[in-house]
Amino acid sequence: MPPPAAPGQESSLVPAYSCTIKVPEPEPADLTSLARIPADTAMTAALAAYPGSRVRKVELEDDNGCLVYSVSLSNGLEVKVDAGNGQVLSTSSEPDEGPEMSEKEA
């Protein structure tokens, strides 16, 4: 078992969830060809989990071998959505976003 990440440092070894699509090595230049769902479906899943929030950004990424959509929400959360089945895999606070009250959206 790998050692835990140092305080203040994200663990980039293994995600704490299982996924339906494993990214092959070497990583392909175009990850979209591997995804089974479109970004819109990932955004819908994230918004269903956190009603009242808005999508700020969505990216398809290789998260330690798992193909996921990383959906950044207006409430300061980052939701990882499985790019194979649209299931919400994890949610975390975005540390680089600053305080939630610092940004007002009309």
N, C-alpha and C. Protein backbone atom coordinates (compact mmCIF):
# COMPACT_ATOMS: atom_id res chain seq x y z
N MET A 1 0.85 -1.18 0.00
CA MET A 1 0.00 0.00 0.00
C MET A 1 0.89 1.24 0.00
N PRO A 2 0.59 2.24 -0.88
CA PRO A 2 1.43 3.44 -0.93
C PRO A 2 1.24 4.30 0.30
N PRO A 3 2.25 5.08 0.64
CA PRO A 3 2.13 5.96 1.81
C PRO A 3 1.14 7.08 1.53
N PRO A 4 0.50 7.62 2.56
CA PRO A 4 -0.43 8.74 2.36
C PRO A 4 0.30 9.98 1.88
N ALA A 5 -0.45 10.86 1.24
CA ALA A 5 0.14 12.11 0.75
C ALA A 5 0.53 12.99 1.94
N ALA A 6 1.55 13.78 1.74
CA ALA A 6 1.98 14.71 2.78
C ALA A 6 0.89 15.76 2.98
N PRO A 7 0.81 16.35 4.18
CA PRO A 7 -0.20 17.38 4.42
C PRO A 7 -0.08 18.51 3.39
N GLY A 8 -1.25 18.91 2.86
CA GLY A 8 -1.27 19.98 1.87
C GLY A 8 -0.94 19.51 0.46
N GLN A 9 -0.71 18.23 0.30
CA GLN A 9 -0.36 17.69 -1.02
C GLN A 9 -1.41 16.65 -1.39
N GLU A 10 -1.97 16.77 -2.59
CA GLU A 10 -2.96 15.81 -3.05
C GLU A 10 -2.30 14.49 -3.36
N SER A 11 -3.00 13.41 -3.05
CA SER A 11 -2.50 12.10 -3.43
C SER A 11 -2.81 11.90 -4.90
N SER A 12 -1.79 11.60 -5.69
CA SER A 12 -2.01 11.40 -7.11
C SER A 12 -1.72 9.96 -7.49
N LEU A 13 -1.78 9.07 -6.52
CA LEU A 13 -1.43 7.69 -6.79
C LEU A 13 -2.61 6.87 -7.29
N VAL A 14 -3.67 6.78 -6.53
CA VAL A 14 -4.81 5.96 -6.90
C VAL A 14 -6.09 6.67 -6.48
N PRO A 15 -7.06 6.78 -7.38
CA PRO A 15 -8.32 7.40 -6.96
C PRO A 15 -9.03 6.49 -5.96
N ALA A 16 -9.87 7.07 -5.13
CA ALA A 16 -10.57 6.33 -4.09
C ALA A 16 -11.86 5.71 -4.63
N TYR A 17 -11.97 5.53 -5.91
CA TYR A 17 -13.17 4.98 -6.54
C TYR A 17 -12.77 4.08 -7.69
N SER A 18 -13.73 3.29 -8.16
CA SER A 18 -13.48 2.47 -9.35
C SER A 18 -14.25 3.11 -10.51
N CYS A 19 -13.78 2.87 -11.71
CA CYS A 19 -14.38 3.49 -12.87
C CYS A 19 -14.62 2.44 -13.96
N THR A 20 -15.38 2.81 -14.97
CA THR A 20 -15.71 1.87 -16.04
C THR A 20 -14.74 1.94 -17.21
N ILE A 21 -13.99 3.04 -17.34
CA ILE A 21 -13.06 3.17 -18.46
C ILE A 21 -11.66 3.42 -17.92
N LYS A 22 -10.76 2.51 -18.21
CA LYS A 22 -9.35 2.67 -17.85
C LYS A 22 -8.62 3.29 -19.04
N VAL A 23 -7.80 4.30 -18.76
CA VAL A 23 -7.04 4.98 -19.81
C VAL A 23 -5.80 4.14 -20.11
N PRO A 24 -5.60 3.77 -21.38
CA PRO A 24 -4.44 2.94 -21.72
C PRO A 24 -3.13 3.73 -21.63
N GLU A 25 -2.04 3.00 -21.47
CA GLU A 25 -0.70 3.60 -21.49
C GLU A 25 -0.06 3.24 -22.81
N PRO A 26 0.56 4.13 -23.53
CA PRO A 26 0.61 5.56 -23.24
C PRO A 26 -0.75 6.21 -23.46
N GLU A 27 -0.97 7.31 -22.74
CA GLU A 27 -2.24 8.01 -22.82
C GLU A 27 -2.46 8.56 -24.22
N PRO A 28 -3.63 8.30 -24.83
CA PRO A 28 -3.90 8.84 -26.16
C PRO A 28 -4.00 10.37 -26.11
N ALA A 29 -3.67 10.99 -27.22
CA ALA A 29 -3.73 12.46 -27.31
C ALA A 29 -5.16 12.95 -27.20
N ASP A 30 -6.12 12.17 -27.70
CA ASP A 30 -7.53 12.58 -27.70
C ASP A 30 -8.33 11.63 -26.80
N LEU A 31 -8.61 12.06 -25.59
CA LEU A 31 -9.36 11.23 -24.65
C LEU A 31 -10.83 11.12 -25.02
N THR A 32 -11.35 12.06 -25.79
CA THR A 32 -12.78 12.05 -26.13
C THR A 32 -13.17 10.79 -26.89
N SER A 33 -12.24 10.20 -27.60
CA SER A 33 -12.56 8.98 -28.35
C SER A 33 -12.83 7.80 -27.41
N LEU A 34 -12.38 7.89 -26.16
CA LEU A 34 -12.59 6.81 -25.18
C LEU A 34 -13.90 6.96 -24.41
N ALA A 35 -14.40 8.18 -24.28
CA ALA A 35 -15.58 8.45 -23.47
C ALA A 35 -16.83 7.85 -24.12
N ARG A 36 -17.72 7.31 -23.26
CA ARG A 36 -18.98 6.75 -23.76
C ARG A 36 -20.15 7.70 -23.57
N ILE A 37 -19.95 8.74 -22.77
CA ILE A 37 -21.00 9.74 -22.57
C ILE A 37 -20.45 11.11 -22.96
N PRO A 38 -21.31 12.02 -23.41
CA PRO A 38 -20.85 13.37 -23.72
C PRO A 38 -20.72 14.22 -22.46
N ALA A 39 -20.02 15.33 -22.58
CA ALA A 39 -19.83 16.24 -21.45
C ALA A 39 -21.16 16.72 -20.89
N ASP A 40 -22.16 16.91 -21.74
CA ASP A 40 -23.47 17.37 -21.27
C ASP A 40 -24.08 16.41 -20.25
N THR A 41 -23.89 15.11 -20.47
CA THR A 41 -24.43 14.12 -19.53
C THR A 41 -23.70 14.20 -18.19
N ALA A 42 -22.40 14.43 -18.22
CA ALA A 42 -21.63 14.59 -16.98
C ALA A 42 -22.08 15.84 -16.23
N MET A 43 -22.31 16.92 -16.96
CA MET A 43 -22.77 18.15 -16.31
C MET A 43 -24.14 17.94 -15.67
N THR A 44 -25.03 17.24 -16.36
CA THR A 44 -26.36 16.96 -15.82
C THR A 44 -26.27 16.14 -14.55
N ALA A 45 -25.39 15.15 -14.52
CA ALA A 45 -25.21 14.31 -13.32
C ALA A 45 -24.70 15.14 -12.15
N ALA A 46 -23.74 16.01 -12.40
CA ALA A 46 -23.18 16.86 -11.33
C ALA A 46 -24.24 17.82 -10.80
N LEU A 47 -25.02 18.42 -11.69
CA LEU A 47 -26.06 19.35 -11.27
C LEU A 47 -27.18 18.64 -10.53
N ALA A 48 -27.48 17.40 -10.90
CA ALA A 48 -28.51 16.64 -10.19
C ALA A 48 -28.06 16.33 -8.76
N ALA A 49 -26.76 16.12 -8.58
CA ALA A 49 -26.22 15.85 -7.25
C ALA A 49 -26.19 17.10 -6.39
N TYR A 50 -26.05 18.27 -7.03
CA TYR A 50 -25.96 19.55 -6.31
C TYR A 50 -26.90 20.57 -6.94
N PRO A 51 -28.22 20.41 -6.73
CA PRO A 51 -29.19 21.33 -7.31
C PRO A 51 -28.93 22.77 -6.86
N GLY A 52 -29.18 23.69 -7.74
CA GLY A 52 -29.00 25.11 -7.43
C GLY A 52 -27.63 25.64 -7.78
N SER A 53 -26.71 24.76 -8.08
CA SER A 53 -25.38 25.22 -8.49
C SER A 53 -25.33 25.33 -10.01
N ARG A 54 -24.26 25.91 -10.50
CA ARG A 54 -24.06 26.05 -11.95
C ARG A 54 -22.69 25.50 -12.32
N VAL A 55 -22.58 25.02 -13.54
CA VAL A 55 -21.30 24.50 -14.02
C VAL A 55 -20.41 25.66 -14.41
N ARG A 56 -19.21 25.67 -13.86
CA ARG A 56 -18.22 26.70 -14.21
C ARG A 56 -17.27 26.18 -15.29
N LYS A 57 -16.95 24.87 -15.21
CA LYS A 57 -15.99 24.29 -16.16
C LYS A 57 -16.17 22.78 -16.14
N VAL A 58 -15.96 22.15 -17.29
CA VAL A 58 -15.96 20.70 -17.37
C VAL A 58 -14.79 20.26 -18.23
N GLU A 59 -14.05 19.25 -17.74
CA GLU A 59 -12.89 18.74 -18.47
C GLU A 59 -12.89 17.22 -18.42
N LEU A 60 -12.53 16.63 -19.54
CA LEU A 60 -12.33 15.19 -19.59
C LEU A 60 -10.88 14.94 -19.25
N GLU A 61 -10.63 14.05 -18.28
CA GLU A 61 -9.25 13.86 -17.85
C GLU A 61 -8.97 12.42 -17.41
N ASP A 62 -7.70 12.12 -17.41
CA ASP A 62 -7.18 10.86 -16.90
C ASP A 62 -6.86 11.08 -15.43
N ASP A 63 -7.66 10.49 -14.56
CA ASP A 63 -7.44 10.63 -13.12
C ASP A 63 -6.83 9.33 -12.62
N ASN A 64 -5.50 9.25 -12.70
CA ASN A 64 -4.77 8.07 -12.26
C ASN A 64 -5.26 6.79 -12.92
N GLY A 65 -5.46 6.87 -14.23
CA GLY A 65 -5.86 5.70 -15.00
C GLY A 65 -7.35 5.58 -15.23
N CYS A 66 -8.15 6.39 -14.58
CA CYS A 66 -9.60 6.38 -14.77
C CYS A 66 -10.01 7.57 -15.64
N LEU A 67 -10.86 7.30 -16.64
CA LEU A 67 -11.35 8.38 -17.49
C LEU A 67 -12.57 9.00 -16.83
N VAL A 68 -12.46 10.26 -16.44
CA VAL A 68 -13.53 10.96 -15.74
C VAL A 68 -13.72 12.36 -16.31
N TYR A 69 -14.93 12.87 -16.13
CA TYR A 69 -15.18 14.28 -16.36
C TYR A 69 -15.03 14.96 -15.01
N SER A 70 -14.26 16.02 -14.97
CA SER A 70 -14.10 16.82 -13.78
C SER A 70 -14.98 18.05 -13.98
N VAL A 71 -16.05 18.15 -13.19
CA VAL A 71 -17.02 19.23 -13.33
C VAL A 71 -16.86 20.20 -12.16
N SER A 72 -16.46 21.43 -12.45
CA SER A 72 -16.33 22.47 -11.42
C SER A 72 -17.65 23.21 -11.32
N LEU A 73 -18.16 23.31 -10.10
CA LEU A 73 -19.45 23.95 -9.87
C LEU A 73 -19.29 25.31 -9.19
N SER A 74 -20.34 26.12 -9.30
CA SER A 74 -20.33 27.47 -8.73
C SER A 74 -20.29 27.45 -7.20
N ASN A 75 -20.60 26.33 -6.58
CA ASN A 75 -20.56 26.25 -5.11
C ASN A 75 -19.18 25.87 -4.59
N GLY A 76 -18.16 25.84 -5.48
CA GLY A 76 -16.80 25.56 -5.06
C GLY A 76 -16.45 24.08 -5.01
N LEU A 77 -17.34 23.23 -5.50
CA LEU A 77 -17.07 21.80 -5.50
C LEU A 77 -16.61 21.33 -6.87
N GLU A 78 -15.80 20.27 -6.84
CA GLU A 78 -15.38 19.61 -8.06
C GLU A 78 -15.95 18.19 -8.00
N VAL A 79 -16.76 17.85 -9.00
CA VAL A 79 -17.43 16.56 -9.04
C VAL A 79 -16.79 15.72 -10.14
N LYS A 80 -16.37 14.51 -9.77
CA LYS A 80 -15.80 13.57 -10.74
C LYS A 80 -16.93 12.66 -11.21
N VAL A 81 -17.13 12.61 -12.53
CA VAL A 81 -18.20 11.81 -13.12
C VAL A 81 -17.57 10.78 -14.04
N ASP A 82 -17.98 9.53 -13.90
CA ASP A 82 -17.47 8.44 -14.73
C ASP A 82 -17.81 8.71 -16.19
N ALA A 83 -16.80 8.70 -17.06
CA ALA A 83 -17.00 8.99 -18.48
C ALA A 83 -17.60 7.80 -19.22
N GLY A 84 -17.81 6.70 -18.52
CA GLY A 84 -18.41 5.53 -19.14
C GLY A 84 -19.90 5.40 -18.89
N ASN A 85 -20.33 5.74 -17.65
CA ASN A 85 -21.74 5.53 -17.31
C ASN A 85 -22.44 6.75 -16.71
N GLY A 86 -21.73 7.86 -16.51
CA GLY A 86 -22.34 9.07 -15.98
C GLY A 86 -22.57 9.08 -14.48
N GLN A 87 -22.01 8.11 -13.77
CA GLN A 87 -22.18 8.04 -12.32
C GLN A 87 -21.23 9.01 -11.63
N VAL A 88 -21.75 9.72 -10.61
CA VAL A 88 -20.91 10.59 -9.80
C VAL A 88 -20.01 9.70 -8.96
N LEU A 89 -18.69 9.87 -9.09
CA LEU A 89 -17.72 9.03 -8.40
C LEU A 89 -17.22 9.65 -7.11
N SER A 90 -16.99 10.96 -7.13
CA SER A 90 -16.49 11.64 -5.93
C SER A 90 -16.76 13.13 -6.04
N THR A 91 -16.68 13.77 -4.89
CA THR A 91 -16.85 15.22 -4.81
C THR A 91 -15.80 15.76 -3.85
N SER A 92 -15.19 16.87 -4.22
CA SER A 92 -14.21 17.49 -3.33
C SER A 92 -14.28 19.00 -3.48
N SER A 93 -13.76 19.69 -2.48
CA SER A 93 -13.67 21.15 -2.55
C SER A 93 -12.51 21.51 -3.46
N GLU A 94 -12.67 22.58 -4.19
CA GLU A 94 -11.59 23.06 -5.04
C GLU A 94 -10.72 24.00 -4.21
N PRO A 95 -9.52 23.58 -3.85
CA PRO A 95 -8.68 24.38 -2.95
C PRO A 95 -8.21 25.69 -3.56
N ASP A 96 -8.12 25.78 -4.87
CA ASP A 96 -7.58 26.99 -5.48
C ASP A 96 -8.66 28.00 -5.84
N GLU A 97 -9.88 27.79 -5.40
CA GLU A 97 -10.96 28.69 -5.75
C GLU A 97 -11.16 29.82 -4.75
N GLY A 98 -10.59 29.71 -3.57
CA GLY A 98 -10.77 30.76 -2.57
C GLY A 98 -12.11 30.62 -1.88
N PRO A 99 -12.46 31.58 -1.03
CA PRO A 99 -13.72 31.51 -0.30
C PRO A 99 -14.93 31.54 -1.23
N GLU A 100 -15.98 30.82 -0.83
CA GLU A 100 -17.19 30.76 -1.65
C GLU A 100 -17.85 32.13 -1.78
N MET A 101 -17.75 32.95 -0.79
CA MET A 101 -18.43 34.24 -0.80
C MET A 101 -17.69 35.28 -1.64
N SER A 102 -16.52 34.97 -2.16
CA SER A 102 -15.74 35.97 -2.89
C SER A 102 -16.27 36.20 -4.29
N GLU A 103 -17.18 35.35 -4.74
CA GLU A 103 -17.66 35.49 -6.11
C GLU A 103 -19.18 35.49 -6.10
N LYS A 104 -19.77 36.55 -6.59
CA LYS A 104 -21.22 36.64 -6.69
C LYS A 104 -21.60 36.45 -8.15
N GLU A 105 -22.56 35.57 -8.37
CA GLU A 105 -23.05 35.35 -9.73
C GLU A 105 -24.50 35.73 -9.78
N ALA A 106 -24.88 36.52 -10.74
CA ALA A 106 -26.26 36.96 -10.86
C ALA A 106 -27.06 36.00 -11.69
